[in-house]
Amino acid sequence: MDTFFSLTGIRLSDFIHLTMLFYITMLAFFGVKNKKKLNYFLLVIFILQCLLYILLRDGLNVKVFAALMLFSVVTLEMMVNRKRKLQA
């Protein structure tokens, strides 16, 4: 396990931190109905954390990983919101 993360250049703690924030954000978005404030709060926290990783962490791989996670969450949120508005 350590060799995988040393080869990718992403620390295990950074990987776990961003992945858990991603899972919690997605759980709130898909699992909790009619809790828009909670969803937007977690989305803002996730976006801020990803931006901090992109701006302040050393290593290009961590920055790219954070940017890809941010891109995937924003894209998914936009697609699901658009689909929900069309169904309503």
PDB file of N, CA and C in Angstrom:
ATOM      1  N   MET A   1       0.822  -1.184   0.000  1.00  0.00           N
ATOM      2  CA  MET A   1       0.000   0.000   0.000  1.00  0.00           C
ATOM      3  C   MET A   1       0.870   1.254   0.000  1.00  0.00           C
ATOM      4  N   ASP A   2       1.906   1.251   0.805  1.00  0.00           N
ATOM      5  CA  ASP A   2       2.785   2.421   0.859  1.00  0.00           C
ATOM      6  C   ASP A   2       3.488   2.647  -0.465  1.00  0.00           C
ATOM      7  N   THR A   3       3.828   1.560  -1.158  1.00  0.00           N
ATOM      8  CA  THR A   3       4.520   1.739  -2.435  1.00  0.00           C
ATOM      9  C   THR A   3       3.609   2.361  -3.477  1.00  0.00           C
ATOM     10  N   PHE A   4       2.325   2.019  -3.444  1.00  0.00           N
ATOM     11  CA  PHE A   4       1.389   2.618  -4.394  1.00  0.00           C
ATOM     12  C   PHE A   4       1.328   4.124  -4.221  1.00  0.00           C
ATOM     13  N   PHE A   5       1.192   4.581  -2.978  1.00  0.00           N
ATOM     14  CA  PHE A   5       1.080   6.012  -2.739  1.00  0.00           C
ATOM     15  C   PHE A   5       2.412   6.723  -2.914  1.00  0.00           C
ATOM     16  N   SER A   6       3.522   6.038  -2.684  1.00  0.00           N
ATOM     17  CA  SER A   6       4.814   6.685  -2.943  1.00  0.00           C
ATOM     18  C   SER A   6       5.069   6.789  -4.444  1.00  0.00           C
ATOM     19  N   LEU A   7       4.544   5.855  -5.226  1.00  0.00           N
ATOM     20  CA  LEU A   7       4.703   5.931  -6.682  1.00  0.00           C
ATOM     21  C   LEU A   7       3.817   7.009  -7.293  1.00  0.00           C
ATOM     22  N   THR A   8       2.632   7.195  -6.765  1.00  0.00           N
ATOM     23  CA  THR A   8       1.727   8.202  -7.318  1.00  0.00           C
ATOM     24  C   THR A   8       2.072   9.605  -6.856  1.00  0.00           C
ATOM     25  N   GLY A   9       2.744   9.742  -5.746  1.00  0.00           N
ATOM     26  CA  GLY A   9       3.090  11.063  -5.239  1.00  0.00           C
ATOM     27  C   GLY A   9       1.993  11.696  -4.407  1.00  0.00           C
ATOM     28  N   ILE A  10       0.985  10.935  -4.059  1.00  0.00           N
ATOM     29  CA  ILE A  10      -0.107  11.435  -3.228  1.00  0.00           C
ATOM     30  C   ILE A  10       0.018  10.778  -1.861  1.00  0.00           C
ATOM     31  N   ARG A  11       0.047  11.597  -0.825  1.00  0.00           N
ATOM     32  CA  ARG A  11       0.119  11.017   0.518  1.00  0.00           C
ATOM     33  C   ARG A  11      -1.194  10.323   0.847  1.00  0.00           C
ATOM     34  N   LEU A  12      -1.091   9.259   1.618  1.00  0.00           N
ATOM     35  CA  LEU A  12      -2.273   8.489   1.999  1.00  0.00           C
ATOM     36  C   LEU A  12      -3.273   9.352   2.752  1.00  0.00           C
ATOM     37  N   SER A  13      -2.793  10.222   3.624  1.00  0.00           N
ATOM     38  CA  SER A  13      -3.714  11.071   4.395  1.00  0.00           C
ATOM     39  C   SER A  13      -4.466  12.038   3.483  1.00  0.00           C
ATOM     40  N   ASP A  14      -3.804  12.585   2.464  1.00  0.00           N
ATOM     41  CA  ASP A  14      -4.486  13.467   1.519  1.00  0.00           C
ATOM     42  C   ASP A  14      -5.541  12.708   0.726  1.00  0.00           C
ATOM     43  N   PHE A  15      -5.205  11.513   0.298  1.00  0.00           N
ATOM     44  CA  PHE A  15      -6.141  10.686  -0.462  1.00  0.00           C
ATOM     45  C   PHE A  15      -7.376  10.356   0.362  1.00  0.00           C
ATOM     46  N   ILE A  16      -7.158   9.931   1.602  1.00  0.00           N
ATOM     47  CA  ILE A  16      -8.278   9.564   2.472  1.00  0.00           C
ATOM     48  C   ILE A  16      -9.125  10.794   2.790  1.00  0.00           C
ATOM     49  N   HIS A  17      -8.491  11.917   3.052  1.00  0.00           N
ATOM     50  CA  HIS A  17      -9.224  13.139   3.395  1.00  0.00           C
ATOM     51  C   HIS A  17     -10.130  13.579   2.246  1.00  0.00           C
ATOM     52  N   LEU A  18      -9.603  13.665   1.050  1.00  0.00           N
ATOM     53  CA  LEU A  18     -10.419  14.098  -0.094  1.00  0.00           C
ATOM     54  C   LEU A  18     -11.485  13.070  -0.449  1.00  0.00           C
ATOM     55  N   THR A  19     -11.160  11.803  -0.350  1.00  0.00           N
ATOM     56  CA  THR A  19     -12.125  10.763  -0.683  1.00  0.00           C
ATOM     57  C   THR A  19     -13.283  10.742   0.307  1.00  0.00           C
ATOM     58  N   MET A  20     -12.998  10.894   1.596  1.00  0.00           N
ATOM     59  CA  MET A  20     -14.069  10.918   2.591  1.00  0.00           C
ATOM     60  C   MET A  20     -14.945  12.155   2.435  1.00  0.00           C
ATOM     61  N   LEU A  21     -14.358  13.298   2.142  1.00  0.00           N
ATOM     62  CA  LEU A  21     -15.168  14.494   1.885  1.00  0.00           C
ATOM     63  C   LEU A  21     -16.065  14.287   0.669  1.00  0.00           C
ATOM     64  N   PHE A  22     -15.533  13.627  -0.357  1.00  0.00           N
ATOM     65  CA  PHE A  22     -16.317  13.332  -1.551  1.00  0.00           C
ATOM     66  C   PHE A  22     -17.492  12.420  -1.205  1.00  0.00           C
ATOM     67  N   TYR A  23     -17.231  11.353  -0.455  1.00  0.00           N
ATOM     68  CA  TYR A  23     -18.298  10.413  -0.083  1.00  0.00           C
ATOM     69  C   TYR A  23     -19.365  11.089   0.773  1.00  0.00           C
ATOM     70  N   ILE A  24     -18.962  11.907   1.728  1.00  0.00           N
ATOM     71  CA  ILE A  24     -19.937  12.575   2.587  1.00  0.00           C
ATOM     72  C   ILE A  24     -20.784  13.553   1.775  1.00  0.00           C
ATOM     73  N   THR A  25     -20.158  14.275   0.850  1.00  0.00           N
ATOM     74  CA  THR A  25     -20.897  15.203   0.007  1.00  0.00           C
ATOM     75  C   THR A  25     -21.900  14.463  -0.866  1.00  0.00           C
ATOM     76  N   MET A  26     -21.491  13.362  -1.453  1.00  0.00           N
ATOM     77  CA  MET A  26     -22.393  12.584  -2.312  1.00  0.00           C
ATOM     78  C   MET A  26     -23.503  11.928  -1.487  1.00  0.00           C
ATOM     79  N   LEU A  27     -23.181  11.483  -0.285  1.00  0.00           N
ATOM     80  CA  LEU A  27     -24.196  10.892   0.581  1.00  0.00           C
ATOM     81  C   LEU A  27     -25.255  11.924   0.948  1.00  0.00           C
ATOM     82  N   ALA A  28     -24.827  13.120   1.253  1.00  0.00           N
ATOM     83  CA  ALA A  28     -25.794  14.169   1.577  1.00  0.00           C
ATOM     84  C   ALA A  28     -26.610  14.554   0.357  1.00  0.00           C
ATOM     85  N   PHE A  29     -25.981  14.548  -0.810  1.00  0.00           N
ATOM     86  CA  PHE A  29     -26.685  14.970  -2.012  1.00  0.00           C
ATOM     87  C   PHE A  29     -27.724  13.949  -2.444  1.00  0.00           C
ATOM     88  N   PHE A  30     -27.380  12.659  -2.398  1.00  0.00           N
ATOM     89  CA  PHE A  30     -28.301  11.622  -2.863  1.00  0.00           C
ATOM     90  C   PHE A  30     -29.115  10.981  -1.757  1.00  0.00           C
ATOM     91  N   GLY A  31     -28.618  10.994  -0.531  1.00  0.00           N
ATOM     92  CA  GLY A  31     -29.282  10.265   0.531  1.00  0.00           C
ATOM     93  C   GLY A  31     -30.255  11.071   1.359  1.00  0.00           C
ATOM     94  N   VAL A  32     -30.072  12.370   1.430  1.00  0.00           N
ATOM     95  CA  VAL A  32     -30.906  13.211   2.283  1.00  0.00           C
ATOM     96  C   VAL A  32     -31.833  14.026   1.396  1.00  0.00           C
ATOM     97  N   LYS A  33     -33.100  13.748   1.495  1.00  0.00           N
ATOM     98  CA  LYS A  33     -34.093  14.479   0.696  1.00  0.00           C
ATOM     99  C   LYS A  33     -34.492  15.766   1.403  1.00  0.00           C
ATOM    100  N   ASN A  34     -34.734  16.793   0.639  1.00  0.00           N
ATOM    101  CA  ASN A  34     -35.242  18.083   1.123  1.00  0.00           C
ATOM    102  C   ASN A  34     -34.340  18.723   2.175  1.00  0.00           C
ATOM    103  N   LYS A  35     -33.059  18.528   2.075  1.00  0.00           N
ATOM    104  CA  LYS A  35     -32.096  19.171   2.982  1.00  0.00           C
ATOM    105  C   LYS A  35     -31.098  19.965   2.142  1.00  0.00           C
ATOM    106  N   LYS A  36     -31.598  20.949   1.442  1.00  0.00           N
ATOM    107  CA  LYS A  36     -30.755  21.712   0.531  1.00  0.00           C
ATOM    108  C   LYS A  36     -29.670  22.487   1.263  1.00  0.00           C
ATOM    109  N   LYS A  37     -29.962  22.981   2.459  1.00  0.00           N
ATOM    110  CA  LYS A  37     -28.956  23.737   3.199  1.00  0.00           C
ATOM    111  C   LYS A  37     -27.772  22.858   3.575  1.00  0.00           C
ATOM    112  N   LEU A  38     -28.052  21.648   4.031  1.00  0.00           N
ATOM    113  CA  LEU A  38     -26.977  20.712   4.375  1.00  0.00           C
ATOM    114  C   LEU A  38     -26.163  20.362   3.143  1.00  0.00           C
ATOM    115  N   ASN A  39     -26.844  20.122   2.037  1.00  0.00           N
ATOM    116  CA  ASN A  39     -26.151  19.766   0.808  1.00  0.00           C
ATOM    117  C   ASN A  39     -25.240  20.892   0.344  1.00  0.00           C
ATOM    118  N   TYR A  40     -25.758  22.115   0.324  1.00  0.00           N
ATOM    119  CA  TYR A  40     -24.950  23.236  -0.131  1.00  0.00           C
ATOM    120  C   TYR A  40     -23.816  23.551   0.839  1.00  0.00           C
ATOM    121  N   PHE A  41     -24.048  23.376   2.124  1.00  0.00           N
ATOM    122  CA  PHE A  41     -22.992  23.576   3.105  1.00  0.00           C
ATOM    123  C   PHE A  41     -21.845  22.602   2.875  1.00  0.00           C
ATOM    124  N   LEU A  42     -22.170  21.317   2.707  1.00  0.00           N
ATOM    125  CA  LEU A  42     -21.130  20.325   2.461  1.00  0.00           C
ATOM    126  C   LEU A  42     -20.447  20.532   1.116  1.00  0.00           C
ATOM    127  N   LEU A  43     -21.203  20.982   0.131  1.00  0.00           N
ATOM    128  CA  LEU A  43     -20.608  21.264  -1.171  1.00  0.00           C
ATOM    129  C   LEU A  43     -19.613  22.419  -1.069  1.00  0.00           C
ATOM    130  N   VAL A  44     -19.961  23.451  -0.339  1.00  0.00           N
ATOM    131  CA  VAL A  44     -19.050  24.587  -0.168  1.00  0.00           C
ATOM    132  C   VAL A  44     -17.800  24.155   0.592  1.00  0.00           C
ATOM    133  N   ILE A  45     -17.964  23.357   1.628  1.00  0.00           N
ATOM    134  CA  ILE A  45     -16.809  22.849   2.381  1.00  0.00           C
ATOM    135  C   ILE A  45     -15.912  22.026   1.466  1.00  0.00           C
ATOM    136  N   PHE A  46     -16.497  21.160   0.646  1.00  0.00           N
ATOM    137  CA  PHE A  46     -15.712  20.334  -0.269  1.00  0.00           C
ATOM    138  C   PHE A  46     -14.972  21.202  -1.283  1.00  0.00           C
ATOM    139  N   ILE A  47     -15.639  22.199  -1.838  1.00  0.00           N
ATOM    140  CA  ILE A  47     -14.999  23.072  -2.819  1.00  0.00           C
ATOM    141  C   ILE A  47     -13.844  23.837  -2.179  1.00  0.00           C
ATOM    142  N   LEU A  48     -14.046  24.348  -0.980  1.00  0.00           N
ATOM    143  CA  LEU A  48     -12.976  25.074  -0.292  1.00  0.00           C
ATOM    144  C   LEU A  48     -11.783  24.172   0.004  1.00  0.00           C
ATOM    145  N   GLN A  49     -12.056  22.958   0.453  1.00  0.00           N
ATOM    146  CA  GLN A  49     -10.968  22.029   0.736  1.00  0.00           C
ATOM    147  C   GLN A  49     -10.181  21.686  -0.532  1.00  0.00           C
ATOM    148  N   CYS A  50     -10.891  21.439  -1.622  1.00  0.00           N
ATOM    149  CA  CYS A  50     -10.203  21.130  -2.879  1.00  0.00           C
ATOM    150  C   CYS A  50      -9.379  22.314  -3.356  1.00  0.00           C
ATOM    151  N   LEU A  51      -9.925  23.520  -3.240  1.00  0.00           N
ATOM    152  CA  LEU A  51      -9.170  24.704  -3.646  1.00  0.00           C
ATOM    153  C   LEU A  51      -7.940  24.906  -2.774  1.00  0.00           C
ATOM    154  N   LEU A  52      -8.063  24.640  -1.484  1.00  0.00           N
ATOM    155  CA  LEU A  52      -6.892  24.730  -0.615  1.00  0.00           C
ATOM    156  C   LEU A  52      -5.835  23.698  -0.987  1.00  0.00           C
ATOM    157  N   TYR A  53      -6.252  22.491  -1.328  1.00  0.00           N
ATOM    158  CA  TYR A  53      -5.305  21.471  -1.778  1.00  0.00           C
ATOM    159  C   TYR A  53      -4.626  21.911  -3.068  1.00  0.00           C
ATOM    160  N   ILE A  54      -5.393  22.479  -3.976  1.00  0.00           N
ATOM    161  CA  ILE A  54      -4.823  22.900  -5.262  1.00  0.00           C
ATOM    162  C   ILE A  54      -3.836  24.052  -5.060  1.00  0.00           C
ATOM    163  N   LEU A  55      -4.149  24.973  -4.188  1.00  0.00           N
ATOM    164  CA  LEU A  55      -3.306  26.152  -4.022  1.00  0.00           C
ATOM    165  C   LEU A  55      -2.127  25.942  -3.075  1.00  0.00           C
ATOM    166  N   LEU A  56      -2.294  25.150  -2.033  1.00  0.00           N
ATOM    167  CA  LEU A  56      -1.293  25.124  -0.969  1.00  0.00           C
ATOM    168  C   LEU A  56      -0.456  23.847  -0.868  1.00  0.00           C
ATOM    169  N   ARG A  57      -0.896  22.740  -1.427  1.00  0.00           N
ATOM    170  CA  ARG A  57      -0.138  21.498  -1.274  1.00  0.00           C
ATOM    171  C   ARG A  57       1.012  21.422  -2.270  1.00  0.00           C
ATOM    172  N   ASP A  58       2.061  20.732  -1.843  1.00  0.00           N
ATOM    173  CA  ASP A  58       3.188  20.483  -2.735  1.00  0.00           C
ATOM    174  C   ASP A  58       2.903  19.253  -3.579  1.00  0.00           C
ATOM    175  N   GLY A  59       3.414  19.249  -4.764  1.00  0.00           N
ATOM    176  CA  GLY A  59       3.273  18.095  -5.637  1.00  0.00           C
ATOM    177  C   GLY A  59       2.145  18.263  -6.636  1.00  0.00           C
ATOM    178  N   LEU A  60       2.474  18.032  -7.863  1.00  0.00           N
ATOM    179  CA  LEU A  60       1.493  18.181  -8.930  1.00  0.00           C
ATOM    180  C   LEU A  60       0.408  17.119  -8.866  1.00  0.00           C
ATOM    181  N   ASN A  61       0.748  15.904  -8.461  1.00  0.00           N
ATOM    182  CA  ASN A  61      -0.227  14.817  -8.439  1.00  0.00           C
ATOM    183  C   ASN A  61      -1.368  15.078  -7.458  1.00  0.00           C
ATOM    184  N   VAL A  62      -1.055  15.645  -6.315  1.00  0.00           N
ATOM    185  CA  VAL A  62      -2.094  15.965  -5.334  1.00  0.00           C
ATOM    186  C   VAL A  62      -3.004  17.063  -5.882  1.00  0.00           C
ATOM    187  N   LYS A  63      -2.409  18.035  -6.534  1.00  0.00           N
ATOM    188  CA  LYS A  63      -3.195  19.126  -7.096  1.00  0.00           C
ATOM    189  C   LYS A  63      -4.109  18.632  -8.210  1.00  0.00           C
ATOM    190  N   VAL A  64      -3.597  17.746  -9.043  1.00  0.00           N
ATOM    191  CA  VAL A  64      -4.419  17.190 -10.125  1.00  0.00           C
ATOM    192  C   VAL A  64      -5.536  16.328  -9.549  1.00  0.00           C
ATOM    193  N   PHE A  65      -5.233  15.524  -8.534  1.00  0.00           N
ATOM    194  CA  PHE A  65      -6.256  14.695  -7.898  1.00  0.00           C
ATOM    195  C   PHE A  65      -7.357  15.560  -7.299  1.00  0.00           C
ATOM    196  N   ALA A  66      -6.991  16.626  -6.602  1.00  0.00           N
ATOM    197  CA  ALA A  66      -7.990  17.527  -6.016  1.00  0.00           C
ATOM    198  C   ALA A  66      -8.812  18.218  -7.100  1.00  0.00           C
ATOM    199  N   ALA A  67      -8.161  18.610  -8.179  1.00  0.00           N
ATOM    200  CA  ALA A  67      -8.884  19.268  -9.271  1.00  0.00           C
ATOM    201  C   ALA A  67      -9.861  18.308  -9.937  1.00  0.00           C
ATOM    202  N   LEU A  68      -9.468  17.062 -10.120  1.00  0.00           N
ATOM    203  CA  LEU A  68     -10.369  16.072 -10.720  1.00  0.00           C
ATOM    204  C   LEU A  68     -11.548  15.756  -9.807  1.00  0.00           C
ATOM    205  N   MET A  69     -11.309  15.672  -8.515  1.00  0.00           N
ATOM    206  CA  MET A  69     -12.402  15.442  -7.571  1.00  0.00           C
ATOM    207  C   MET A  69     -13.367  16.623  -7.583  1.00  0.00           C
ATOM    208  N   LEU A  70     -12.837  17.819  -7.611  1.00  0.00           N
ATOM    209  CA  LEU A  70     -13.664  19.023  -7.666  1.00  0.00           C
ATOM    210  C   LEU A  70     -14.485  19.065  -8.947  1.00  0.00           C
ATOM    211  N   PHE A  71     -13.847  18.775 -10.053  1.00  0.00           N
ATOM    212  CA  PHE A  71     -14.541  18.765 -11.341  1.00  0.00           C
ATOM    213  C   PHE A  71     -15.655  17.725 -11.356  1.00  0.00           C
ATOM    214  N   SER A  72     -15.387  16.541 -10.812  1.00  0.00           N
ATOM    215  CA  SER A  72     -16.401  15.484 -10.822  1.00  0.00           C
ATOM    216  C   SER A  72     -17.597  15.846  -9.948  1.00  0.00           C
ATOM    217  N   VAL A  73     -17.367  16.439  -8.796  1.00  0.00           N
ATOM    218  CA  VAL A  73     -18.478  16.816  -7.913  1.00  0.00           C
ATOM    219  C   VAL A  73     -19.317  17.920  -8.532  1.00  0.00           C
ATOM    220  N   VAL A  74     -18.673  18.937  -9.071  1.00  0.00           N
ATOM    221  CA  VAL A  74     -19.422  20.048  -9.659  1.00  0.00           C
ATOM    222  C   VAL A  74     -20.220  19.568 -10.871  1.00  0.00           C
ATOM    223  N   THR A  75     -19.609  18.738 -11.703  1.00  0.00           N
ATOM    224  CA  THR A  75     -20.314  18.200 -12.872  1.00  0.00           C
ATOM    225  C   THR A  75     -21.509  17.354 -12.457  1.00  0.00           C
ATOM    226  N   LEU A  76     -21.311  16.488 -11.493  1.00  0.00           N
ATOM    227  CA  LEU A  76     -22.391  15.623 -11.028  1.00  0.00           C
ATOM    228  C   LEU A  76     -23.518  16.433 -10.405  1.00  0.00           C
ATOM    229  N   GLU A  77     -23.182  17.410  -9.610  1.00  0.00           N
ATOM    230  CA  GLU A  77     -24.204  18.257  -8.988  1.00  0.00           C
ATOM    231  C   GLU A  77     -25.014  19.001 -10.048  1.00  0.00           C
ATOM    232  N   MET A  78     -24.341  19.543 -11.049  1.00  0.00           N
ATOM    233  CA  MET A  78     -25.049  20.268 -12.100  1.00  0.00           C
ATOM    234  C   MET A  78     -25.970  19.351 -12.895  1.00  0.00           C
ATOM    235  N   MET A  79     -25.510  18.166 -13.216  1.00  0.00           N
ATOM    236  CA  MET A  79     -26.329  17.241 -13.995  1.00  0.00           C
ATOM    237  C   MET A  79     -27.555  16.787 -13.218  1.00  0.00           C
ATOM    238  N   VAL A  80     -27.380  16.463 -11.952  1.00  0.00           N
ATOM    239  CA  VAL A  80     -28.500  15.983 -11.143  1.00  0.00           C
ATOM    240  C   VAL A  80     -29.495  17.113 -10.895  1.00  0.00           C
ATOM    241  N   ASN A  81     -29.004  18.314 -10.625  1.00  0.00           N
ATOM    242  CA  ASN A  81     -29.923  19.447 -10.428  1.00  0.00           C
ATOM    243  C   ASN A  81     -30.728  19.727 -11.684  1.00  0.00           C
ATOM    244  N   ARG A  82     -30.097  19.655 -12.830  1.00  0.00           N
ATOM    245  CA  ARG A  82     -30.805  19.887 -14.083  1.00  0.00           C
ATOM    246  C   ARG A  82     -31.870  18.812 -14.316  1.00  0.00           C
ATOM    247  N   LYS A  83     -31.520  17.564 -14.003  1.00  0.00           N
ATOM    248  CA  LYS A  83     -32.475  16.479 -14.184  1.00  0.00           C
ATOM    249  C   LYS A  83     -33.660  16.611 -13.225  1.00  0.00           C
ATOM    250  N   ARG A  84     -33.389  17.009 -11.991  1.00  0.00           N
ATOM    251  CA  ARG A  84     -34.461  17.193 -11.012  1.00  0.00           C
ATOM    252  C   ARG A  84     -35.374  18.342 -11.411  1.00  0.00           C
ATOM    253  N   LYS A  85     -34.839  19.409 -11.961  1.00  0.00           N
ATOM    254  CA  LYS A  85     -35.667  20.546 -12.395  1.00  0.00           C
ATOM    255  C   LYS A  85     -36.535  20.162 -13.588  1.00  0.00           C
ATOM    256  N   LEU A  86     -36.023  19.337 -14.476  1.00  0.00           N
ATOM    257  CA  LEU A  86     -36.802  18.907 -15.614  1.00  0.00           C
ATOM    258  C   LEU A  86     -37.943  17.964 -15.208  1.00  0.00           C
ATOM    259  N   GLN A  87     -37.716  17.161 -14.168  1.00  0.00           N
ATOM    260  CA  GLN A  87     -38.736  16.234 -13.703  1.00  0.00           C
ATOM    261  C   GLN A  87     -39.814  16.949 -12.898  1.00  0.00           C
ATOM    262  N   ALA A  88     -39.469  18.057 -12.276  1.00  0.00           N
ATOM    263  CA  ALA A  88     -40.445  18.764 -11.420  1.00  0.00           C
ATOM    264  C   ALA A  88     -41.463  19.551 -12.217  1.00  0.00           C
TER     265      ALA A  88
END
